Amino acid sequence: MVQTTVVKVVENGVICKFMKSFIGYIFHDHTLSTMKKGSKFLSRIIALDFSEKKIFLSPHEPIVNLKSFQNKDYLGRIIQGTLTI
């Protein structure tokens, strides 16, 4: 997660800055209604486009609060004829 500041609201989303020097993009379907220039919020990096050198973020609570899978007892076990990996 990164602390994000809105730099500019554009037609298809928001351009924001994080970690002092990185610029990221939030698509319009991931924007929050309270977003305006200068607003700050937590977001999570959801995608990278290496060829275009772009970083995509999302401030949506379910995405920001994602947790890693904790129940590792089932990894690699065969359950009712199915291999879980």
C-alpha atoms as a PDB file:
ATOM      1  CA  MET A   1       0.000   0.000   0.000  1.00  0.00           C
ATOM      2  CA  VAL A   2       1.091   3.528  -0.687  1.00  0.00           C
ATOM      3  CA  GLN A   3      -0.021   6.954   0.522  1.00  0.00           C
ATOM      4  CA  THR A   4      -1.307   8.689  -2.618  1.00  0.00           C
ATOM      5  CA  THR A   5      -1.987  12.343  -3.461  1.00  0.00           C
ATOM      6  CA  VAL A   6      -4.187  13.415  -6.388  1.00  0.00           C
ATOM      7  CA  VAL A   7      -2.254  15.590  -8.834  1.00  0.00           C
ATOM      8  CA  LYS A   8      -4.905  15.943 -11.524  1.00  0.00           C
ATOM      9  CA  VAL A   9      -8.413  14.693 -12.256  1.00  0.00           C
ATOM     10  CA  VAL A  10      -8.707  13.709 -15.934  1.00  0.00           C
ATOM     11  CA  GLU A  11     -11.574  12.470 -18.118  1.00  0.00           C
ATOM     12  CA  ASN A  12     -10.868   8.761 -17.651  1.00  0.00           C
ATOM     13  CA  GLY A  13      -9.597   8.784 -14.059  1.00  0.00           C
ATOM     14  CA  VAL A  14      -7.030  10.383 -11.793  1.00  0.00           C
ATOM     15  CA  ILE A  15      -3.297  11.046 -12.003  1.00  0.00           C
ATOM     16  CA  CYS A  16      -1.616  10.822  -8.611  1.00  0.00           C
ATOM     17  CA  LYS A  17       1.777  10.938  -6.957  1.00  0.00           C
ATOM     18  CA  PHE A  18       3.175   8.557  -4.350  1.00  0.00           C
ATOM     19  CA  MET A  19       6.478   7.922  -2.576  1.00  0.00           C
ATOM     20  CA  LYS A  20       7.589  11.489  -3.449  1.00  0.00           C
ATOM     21  CA  SER A  21       8.605  10.751  -7.049  1.00  0.00           C
ATOM     22  CA  PHE A  22       6.300   8.163  -8.632  1.00  0.00           C
ATOM     23  CA  ILE A  23       3.295   9.010 -10.787  1.00  0.00           C
ATOM     24  CA  GLY A  24       0.370   6.590 -10.907  1.00  0.00           C
ATOM     25  CA  TYR A  25      -2.979   6.320 -12.637  1.00  0.00           C
ATOM     26  CA  ILE A  26      -6.370   5.368 -11.237  1.00  0.00           C
ATOM     27  CA  PHE A  27      -9.002   4.397 -13.821  1.00  0.00           C
ATOM     28  CA  HIS A  28     -12.393   6.106 -13.518  1.00  0.00           C
ATOM     29  CA  ASP A  29     -14.074   2.877 -12.355  1.00  0.00           C
ATOM     30  CA  HIS A  30     -11.675   2.763  -9.372  1.00  0.00           C
ATOM     31  CA  THR A  31     -11.986   6.413  -8.365  1.00  0.00           C
ATOM     32  CA  LEU A  32     -13.687   7.571  -5.183  1.00  0.00           C
ATOM     33  CA  SER A  33     -16.354  10.282  -5.182  1.00  0.00           C
ATOM     34  CA  THR A  34     -14.248  12.384  -2.786  1.00  0.00           C
ATOM     35  CA  MET A  35     -11.232  12.587  -5.096  1.00  0.00           C
ATOM     36  CA  LYS A  36     -10.123  16.073  -6.048  1.00  0.00           C
ATOM     37  CA  LYS A  37      -6.752  17.726  -6.574  1.00  0.00           C
ATOM     38  CA  GLY A  38      -4.687  17.488  -3.384  1.00  0.00           C
ATOM     39  CA  SER A  39      -6.756  14.790  -1.662  1.00  0.00           C
ATOM     40  CA  LYS A  40      -4.768  12.018   0.044  1.00  0.00           C
ATOM     41  CA  PHE A  41      -5.659   8.365   0.558  1.00  0.00           C
ATOM     42  CA  LEU A  42      -4.200   4.859   0.710  1.00  0.00           C
ATOM     43  CA  SER A  43      -4.084   2.817  -2.471  1.00  0.00           C
ATOM     44  CA  ARG A  44      -2.591  -0.417  -3.700  1.00  0.00           C
ATOM     45  CA  ILE A  45      -0.590  -0.987  -6.878  1.00  0.00           C
ATOM     46  CA  ILE A  46      -2.723  -3.272  -9.051  1.00  0.00           C
ATOM     47  CA  ALA A  47      -0.839  -3.315 -12.365  1.00  0.00           C
ATOM     48  CA  LEU A  48       2.353  -2.230 -14.099  1.00  0.00           C
ATOM     49  CA  ASP A  49       2.782  -1.477 -17.798  1.00  0.00           C
ATOM     50  CA  PHE A  50       6.514  -1.783 -18.416  1.00  0.00           C
ATOM     51  CA  SER A  51       6.361  -0.815 -22.091  1.00  0.00           C
ATOM     52  CA  GLU A  52       4.484   2.424 -21.331  1.00  0.00           C
ATOM     53  CA  LYS A  53       6.212   2.882 -17.929  1.00  0.00           C
ATOM     54  CA  LYS A  54       2.877   3.317 -16.121  1.00  0.00           C
ATOM     55  CA  ILE A  55       1.753   2.289 -12.653  1.00  0.00           C
ATOM     56  CA  PHE A  56      -1.938   1.651 -11.973  1.00  0.00           C
ATOM     57  CA  LEU A  57      -3.443   1.987  -8.510  1.00  0.00           C
ATOM     58  CA  SER A  58      -6.729   1.357  -6.746  1.00  0.00           C
ATOM     59  CA  PRO A  59      -8.025   3.012  -3.568  1.00  0.00           C
ATOM     60  CA  HIS A  60     -11.024   0.664  -3.219  1.00  0.00           C
ATOM     61  CA  GLU A  61     -11.216  -0.712   0.320  1.00  0.00           C
ATOM     62  CA  PRO A  62     -11.531  -4.413  -0.665  1.00  0.00           C
ATOM     63  CA  ILE A  63      -8.385  -4.108  -2.799  1.00  0.00           C
ATOM     64  CA  VAL A  64      -6.405  -2.033  -0.299  1.00  0.00           C
ATOM     65  CA  ASN A  65      -7.261  -4.485   2.504  1.00  0.00           C
ATOM     66  CA  LEU A  66      -6.344  -7.675   0.609  1.00  0.00           C
ATOM     67  CA  LYS A  67      -4.669 -10.282   2.775  1.00  0.00           C
ATOM     68  CA  SER A  68      -2.500 -13.171   1.659  1.00  0.00           C
ATOM     69  CA  PHE A  69      -3.872 -16.697   1.894  1.00  0.00           C
ATOM     70  CA  GLN A  70      -3.180 -17.819   5.467  1.00  0.00           C
ATOM     71  CA  ASN A  71      -4.355 -21.446   5.618  1.00  0.00           C
ATOM     72  CA  LYS A  72      -1.305 -23.175   4.172  1.00  0.00           C
ATOM     73  CA  ASP A  73      -2.358 -26.625   5.484  1.00  0.00           C
ATOM     74  CA  TYR A  74      -4.289 -27.268   2.259  1.00  0.00           C
ATOM     75  CA  LEU A  75      -1.481 -26.368  -0.131  1.00  0.00           C
ATOM     76  CA  GLY A  76      -0.319 -29.436  -2.060  1.00  0.00           C
ATOM     77  CA  ARG A  77      -2.921 -31.796  -0.539  1.00  0.00           C
ATOM     78  CA  ILE A  78      -5.289 -33.947  -2.531  1.00  0.00           C
ATOM     79  CA  ILE A  79      -8.880 -33.319  -1.465  1.00  0.00           C
ATOM     80  CA  GLN A  80     -11.631 -35.470  -3.014  1.00  0.00           C
ATOM     81  CA  GLY A  81      -9.540 -36.206  -6.096  1.00  0.00           C
ATOM     82  CA  THR A  82      -8.407 -32.608  -6.620  1.00  0.00           C
ATOM     83  CA  LEU A  83      -4.861 -31.331  -6.170  1.00  0.00           C
ATOM     84  CA  THR A  84      -4.726 -27.883  -4.578  1.00  0.00           C
ATOM     85  CA  ILE A  85      -1.649 -25.823  -5.303  1.00  0.00           C
END
